[in-house]
């Protein structure tokens, strides 16, 4: 019988979620597609939902996480700022380290 610890990690700022799995997926999708609407489509969420998530990240972050360009002939775009990329990288690292820690801690249960 194998045990697993289930956990979700999110980072808050003044009771507002700065980063969590969903927000990080969205930021990565923006980075990959160069557009909020394409990112939303790739994640199967509405543009409105994607915009709300991104807006909440930007309001909780110390600096803007995206640079948005206004739509024109080719449409608008969005890209992550260096700060946004650093946040994603840090969150992924925290998440990985947390899972490593939890896996080690699980041995306490398995070895009883």
N, C-alpha and C. Protein backbone atom coordinates (compact mmCIF):
# COMPACT_ATOMS: atom_id res chain seq x y z
N UNK A 1 0.85 -1.19 0.00
CA UNK A 1 0.00 0.00 0.00
C UNK A 1 0.90 1.25 0.00
N UNK A 2 0.69 2.13 -0.96
CA UNK A 2 1.49 3.35 -1.03
C UNK A 2 0.70 4.55 -0.53
N UNK A 3 1.33 5.36 0.29
CA UNK A 3 0.68 6.56 0.81
C UNK A 3 1.11 7.78 0.00
N UNK A 4 0.26 8.78 -0.01
CA UNK A 4 0.57 10.05 -0.65
C UNK A 4 0.09 11.17 0.25
N UNK A 5 0.84 12.24 0.29
CA UNK A 5 0.37 13.45 0.96
C UNK A 5 -0.17 14.35 -0.14
N UNK A 6 -1.38 14.85 0.04
CA UNK A 6 -1.98 15.77 -0.93
C UNK A 6 -1.89 17.19 -0.37
N UNK A 7 -1.49 18.10 -1.22
CA UNK A 7 -1.33 19.48 -0.76
C UNK A 7 -1.40 20.42 -1.95
N UNK A 8 -1.84 21.64 -1.69
CA UNK A 8 -1.80 22.71 -2.69
C UNK A 8 -1.14 23.90 -2.04
N UNK A 9 -0.35 24.57 -2.80
CA UNK A 9 0.38 25.73 -2.27
C UNK A 9 -0.08 26.97 -3.01
N UNK A 10 -0.30 28.02 -2.25
CA UNK A 10 -0.53 29.31 -2.87
C UNK A 10 0.12 30.36 -1.98
N UNK A 11 0.41 31.50 -2.57
CA UNK A 11 1.08 32.58 -1.86
C UNK A 11 0.11 33.75 -1.82
N UNK A 12 -0.11 34.28 -0.63
CA UNK A 12 -1.05 35.39 -0.45
C UNK A 12 -0.32 36.67 -0.07
N UNK A 13 -0.96 37.76 -0.37
CA UNK A 13 -0.50 39.07 0.05
C UNK A 13 -1.73 39.82 0.54
N UNK A 14 -1.76 40.15 1.82
CA UNK A 14 -2.92 40.85 2.41
C UNK A 14 -4.24 40.16 2.07
N UNK A 15 -4.29 38.85 2.27
CA UNK A 15 -5.49 38.03 2.03
C UNK A 15 -5.91 37.92 0.57
N UNK A 16 -5.09 38.41 -0.35
CA UNK A 16 -5.35 38.21 -1.77
C UNK A 16 -4.33 37.21 -2.29
N UNK A 17 -4.79 36.31 -3.15
CA UNK A 17 -3.86 35.32 -3.69
C UNK A 17 -2.96 35.98 -4.73
N UNK A 18 -1.66 35.89 -4.49
CA UNK A 18 -0.68 36.39 -5.46
C UNK A 18 -0.45 35.30 -6.50
N UNK A 19 -0.05 34.13 -6.02
CA UNK A 19 0.25 33.02 -6.93
C UNK A 19 -0.32 31.73 -6.40
N UNK A 20 -0.77 30.90 -7.30
CA UNK A 20 -1.21 29.55 -7.02
C UNK A 20 -1.05 28.80 -8.32
N UNK A 21 -1.39 27.53 -8.31
CA UNK A 21 -1.19 26.71 -9.50
C UNK A 21 -1.89 27.29 -10.74
N UNK A 22 -3.15 27.68 -10.59
CA UNK A 22 -3.91 28.22 -11.73
C UNK A 22 -3.30 29.49 -12.29
N UNK A 23 -2.92 30.39 -11.41
CA UNK A 23 -2.34 31.66 -11.86
C UNK A 23 -0.99 31.42 -12.54
N UNK A 24 -0.20 30.49 -12.00
CA UNK A 24 1.09 30.19 -12.61
C UNK A 24 0.90 29.54 -13.99
N UNK A 25 -0.09 28.64 -14.12
CA UNK A 25 -0.39 28.05 -15.43
C UNK A 25 -0.74 29.15 -16.43
N UNK A 26 -1.53 30.13 -15.98
CA UNK A 26 -1.91 31.23 -16.86
C UNK A 26 -0.69 32.05 -17.27
N UNK A 27 0.17 32.39 -16.31
CA UNK A 27 1.37 33.17 -16.64
C UNK A 27 2.26 32.42 -17.63
N UNK A 28 2.41 31.11 -17.43
CA UNK A 28 3.22 30.31 -18.36
C UNK A 28 2.58 30.29 -19.75
N UNK A 29 1.24 30.20 -19.79
CA UNK A 29 0.55 30.18 -21.08
C UNK A 29 0.69 31.52 -21.79
N UNK A 30 0.66 32.62 -21.04
CA UNK A 30 0.88 33.95 -21.64
C UNK A 30 2.30 34.00 -22.21
N UNK A 31 3.26 33.49 -21.45
CA UNK A 31 4.65 33.48 -21.89
C UNK A 31 4.80 32.66 -23.18
N UNK A 32 4.07 31.55 -23.26
CA UNK A 32 4.17 30.68 -24.45
C UNK A 32 3.44 31.21 -25.67
N UNK A 33 2.29 31.87 -25.44
CA UNK A 33 1.45 32.27 -26.57
C UNK A 33 1.61 33.74 -26.95
N UNK A 34 2.08 34.57 -26.02
CA UNK A 34 2.23 36.00 -26.31
C UNK A 34 0.92 36.77 -26.29
N UNK A 35 -0.13 36.16 -25.70
CA UNK A 35 -1.43 36.82 -25.69
C UNK A 35 -2.30 36.25 -24.58
N UNK A 36 -3.05 37.14 -23.93
CA UNK A 36 -3.95 36.69 -22.87
C UNK A 36 -5.09 35.86 -23.45
N UNK A 37 -5.64 36.28 -24.59
CA UNK A 37 -6.76 35.52 -25.17
C UNK A 37 -6.31 34.14 -25.64
N UNK A 38 -5.12 34.04 -26.24
CA UNK A 38 -4.62 32.72 -26.66
C UNK A 38 -4.28 31.86 -25.45
N UNK A 39 -3.77 32.49 -24.40
CA UNK A 39 -3.45 31.76 -23.16
C UNK A 39 -4.74 31.19 -22.56
N UNK A 40 -5.78 32.01 -22.52
CA UNK A 40 -7.07 31.57 -21.97
C UNK A 40 -7.60 30.39 -22.78
N UNK A 41 -7.54 30.51 -24.10
CA UNK A 41 -8.03 29.45 -24.98
C UNK A 41 -7.25 28.16 -24.75
N UNK A 42 -5.93 28.27 -24.60
CA UNK A 42 -5.10 27.07 -24.41
C UNK A 42 -5.39 26.37 -23.08
N UNK A 43 -5.91 27.12 -22.11
CA UNK A 43 -6.23 26.55 -20.80
C UNK A 43 -7.72 26.23 -20.66
N UNK A 44 -8.47 26.46 -21.73
CA UNK A 44 -9.93 26.23 -21.72
C UNK A 44 -10.64 27.03 -20.64
N UNK A 45 -10.23 28.29 -20.46
CA UNK A 45 -10.95 29.18 -19.56
C UNK A 45 -11.38 30.40 -20.36
N UNK A 46 -12.40 31.09 -19.88
CA UNK A 46 -12.88 32.26 -20.60
C UNK A 46 -11.86 33.39 -20.51
N UNK A 47 -11.93 34.29 -21.48
CA UNK A 47 -11.04 35.45 -21.47
C UNK A 47 -11.28 36.27 -20.20
N UNK A 48 -12.56 36.40 -19.82
CA UNK A 48 -12.90 37.18 -18.63
C UNK A 48 -12.25 36.59 -17.38
N UNK A 49 -12.32 35.26 -17.24
CA UNK A 49 -11.71 34.58 -16.09
C UNK A 49 -10.20 34.79 -16.10
N UNK A 50 -9.59 34.64 -17.27
CA UNK A 50 -8.14 34.83 -17.40
C UNK A 50 -7.76 36.26 -17.02
N UNK A 51 -8.55 37.23 -17.51
CA UNK A 51 -8.27 38.63 -17.22
C UNK A 51 -8.37 38.88 -15.71
N UNK A 52 -9.40 38.31 -15.07
CA UNK A 52 -9.57 38.49 -13.62
C UNK A 52 -8.40 37.89 -12.83
N UNK A 53 -7.94 36.70 -13.25
CA UNK A 53 -6.80 36.08 -12.57
C UNK A 53 -5.55 36.94 -12.72
N UNK A 54 -5.31 37.39 -13.95
CA UNK A 54 -4.12 38.21 -14.21
C UNK A 54 -4.20 39.53 -13.45
N UNK A 55 -5.39 40.12 -13.43
CA UNK A 55 -5.58 41.38 -12.72
C UNK A 55 -5.30 41.20 -11.23
N UNK A 56 -5.75 40.08 -10.66
CA UNK A 56 -5.53 39.86 -9.22
C UNK A 56 -4.04 39.65 -8.93
N UNK A 57 -3.33 38.99 -9.85
CA UNK A 57 -1.88 38.82 -9.66
C UNK A 57 -1.20 40.19 -9.70
N UNK A 58 -1.55 40.99 -10.71
CA UNK A 58 -0.93 42.31 -10.85
C UNK A 58 -1.22 43.21 -9.66
N UNK A 59 -2.43 43.09 -9.08
CA UNK A 59 -2.78 43.94 -7.93
C UNK A 59 -2.03 43.50 -6.67
N UNK A 60 -1.70 42.21 -6.55
CA UNK A 60 -1.02 41.70 -5.36
C UNK A 60 0.50 41.77 -5.48
N UNK A 61 1.00 41.83 -6.71
CA UNK A 61 2.45 41.82 -6.93
C UNK A 61 3.06 43.19 -6.66
N UNK A 62 4.36 43.17 -6.34
CA UNK A 62 5.08 44.42 -6.09
C UNK A 62 5.24 45.25 -7.36
N UNK A 63 5.37 44.54 -8.49
CA UNK A 63 5.56 45.19 -9.79
C UNK A 63 4.69 44.47 -10.81
N UNK A 64 4.45 45.09 -11.97
CA UNK A 64 3.65 44.41 -13.00
C UNK A 64 4.29 43.09 -13.44
N UNK A 65 3.46 42.08 -13.67
CA UNK A 65 3.97 40.78 -14.11
C UNK A 65 3.85 40.61 -15.62
N UNK A 66 3.07 41.49 -16.26
CA UNK A 66 2.96 41.44 -17.72
C UNK A 66 3.08 42.83 -18.32
N UNK A 67 3.47 42.84 -19.59
CA UNK A 67 3.44 44.06 -20.40
C UNK A 67 2.39 43.78 -21.46
N UNK A 68 1.41 44.64 -21.56
CA UNK A 68 0.33 44.44 -22.53
C UNK A 68 0.47 45.46 -23.65
N UNK A 69 0.26 44.99 -24.88
CA UNK A 69 0.25 45.92 -26.01
C UNK A 69 -1.19 46.00 -26.52
N UNK A 70 -1.58 47.19 -26.91
CA UNK A 70 -2.95 47.44 -27.36
C UNK A 70 -3.16 46.78 -28.73
N UNK A 71 -4.35 46.25 -28.90
CA UNK A 71 -4.69 45.59 -30.17
C UNK A 71 -4.66 46.56 -31.33
N UNK A 72 -4.19 46.10 -32.42
CA UNK A 72 -4.17 46.89 -33.66
C UNK A 72 -4.55 45.95 -34.77
N UNK A 73 -3.92 46.16 -35.92
CA UNK A 73 -4.22 45.31 -37.08
C UNK A 73 -3.98 43.83 -36.76
N UNK A 74 -2.86 43.54 -36.10
CA UNK A 74 -2.53 42.15 -35.78
C UNK A 74 -3.06 41.71 -34.42
N UNK A 75 -3.79 42.59 -33.73
CA UNK A 75 -4.29 42.26 -32.39
C UNK A 75 -3.26 42.62 -31.34
N UNK A 76 -3.71 42.66 -30.10
CA UNK A 76 -2.82 43.02 -29.00
C UNK A 76 -2.02 41.82 -28.57
N UNK A 77 -1.23 42.03 -27.55
CA UNK A 77 -0.42 40.94 -27.04
C UNK A 77 -0.11 41.15 -25.58
N UNK A 78 0.47 40.14 -24.98
CA UNK A 78 0.88 40.24 -23.59
C UNK A 78 2.14 39.41 -23.43
N UNK A 79 3.07 39.92 -22.67
CA UNK A 79 4.27 39.13 -22.37
C UNK A 79 4.64 39.33 -20.91
N UNK A 80 5.33 38.35 -20.37
CA UNK A 80 5.74 38.45 -18.97
C UNK A 80 6.91 39.41 -18.84
N UNK A 81 6.88 40.18 -17.78
CA UNK A 81 8.03 41.01 -17.45
C UNK A 81 9.10 40.08 -16.83
N UNK A 82 10.30 40.60 -16.67
CA UNK A 82 11.35 39.81 -16.00
C UNK A 82 10.90 39.45 -14.59
N UNK A 83 10.21 40.40 -13.95
CA UNK A 83 9.69 40.15 -12.60
C UNK A 83 8.68 39.00 -12.63
N UNK A 84 7.77 39.02 -13.62
CA UNK A 84 6.77 37.96 -13.77
C UNK A 84 7.44 36.60 -13.97
N UNK A 85 8.47 36.57 -14.82
CA UNK A 85 9.21 35.32 -15.06
C UNK A 85 9.88 34.83 -13.78
N UNK A 86 10.43 35.77 -13.01
CA UNK A 86 11.09 35.41 -11.75
C UNK A 86 10.09 34.85 -10.75
N UNK A 87 8.89 35.42 -10.69
CA UNK A 87 7.85 34.92 -9.79
C UNK A 87 7.47 33.48 -10.15
N UNK A 88 7.29 33.21 -11.44
CA UNK A 88 6.93 31.87 -11.89
C UNK A 88 8.03 30.88 -11.50
N UNK A 89 9.27 31.27 -11.75
CA UNK A 89 10.41 30.40 -11.44
C UNK A 89 10.48 30.13 -9.94
N UNK A 90 10.30 31.17 -9.14
CA UNK A 90 10.36 31.01 -7.68
C UNK A 90 9.22 30.12 -7.19
N UNK A 91 8.02 30.32 -7.73
CA UNK A 91 6.88 29.49 -7.31
C UNK A 91 7.13 28.02 -7.65
N UNK A 92 7.62 27.76 -8.85
CA UNK A 92 7.91 26.38 -9.24
C UNK A 92 8.94 25.75 -8.31
N UNK A 93 9.94 26.52 -7.93
CA UNK A 93 10.99 26.02 -7.03
C UNK A 93 10.42 25.74 -5.63
N UNK A 94 9.61 26.65 -5.14
CA UNK A 94 8.97 26.46 -3.83
C UNK A 94 8.10 25.20 -3.85
N UNK A 95 7.33 25.05 -4.91
CA UNK A 95 6.44 23.91 -5.07
C UNK A 95 7.25 22.60 -5.08
N UNK A 96 8.32 22.57 -5.88
CA UNK A 96 9.18 21.38 -5.97
C UNK A 96 9.79 21.04 -4.62
N UNK A 97 10.33 22.06 -3.95
CA UNK A 97 10.96 21.85 -2.64
C UNK A 97 9.95 21.35 -1.61
N UNK A 98 8.74 21.87 -1.69
CA UNK A 98 7.70 21.45 -0.77
C UNK A 98 7.37 19.99 -0.98
N UNK A 99 7.23 19.57 -2.24
CA UNK A 99 6.92 18.16 -2.53
C UNK A 99 8.05 17.25 -2.06
N UNK A 100 9.31 17.67 -2.25
CA UNK A 100 10.44 16.86 -1.78
C UNK A 100 10.38 16.70 -0.27
N UNK A 101 10.09 17.80 0.42
CA UNK A 101 9.99 17.78 1.87
C UNK A 101 8.85 16.85 2.32
N UNK A 102 7.68 16.98 1.68
CA UNK A 102 6.53 16.16 2.06
C UNK A 102 6.80 14.67 1.79
N UNK A 103 7.47 14.38 0.68
CA UNK A 103 7.80 12.98 0.39
C UNK A 103 8.70 12.39 1.49
N UNK A 104 9.67 13.19 1.96
CA UNK A 104 10.54 12.72 3.05
C UNK A 104 9.75 12.54 4.34
N UNK A 105 8.86 13.47 4.62
CA UNK A 105 8.05 13.42 5.83
C UNK A 105 7.11 12.21 5.82
N UNK A 106 6.69 11.80 4.65
CA UNK A 106 5.77 10.68 4.52
C UNK A 106 6.38 9.40 5.09
N UNK A 107 7.70 9.31 5.07
CA UNK A 107 8.38 8.14 5.61
C UNK A 107 8.02 7.93 7.08
N UNK A 108 7.67 9.00 7.80
CA UNK A 108 7.28 8.89 9.20
C UNK A 108 6.02 8.03 9.35
N UNK A 109 5.13 8.11 8.38
CA UNK A 109 3.90 7.32 8.39
C UNK A 109 4.17 5.91 7.88
N UNK A 110 4.92 5.84 6.81
CA UNK A 110 5.17 4.54 6.18
C UNK A 110 6.01 3.61 7.07
N UNK A 111 6.82 4.21 7.92
CA UNK A 111 7.72 3.39 8.76
C UNK A 111 7.17 3.08 10.13
N UNK A 112 5.91 3.35 10.37
CA UNK A 112 5.30 3.03 11.66
C UNK A 112 4.88 1.57 11.68
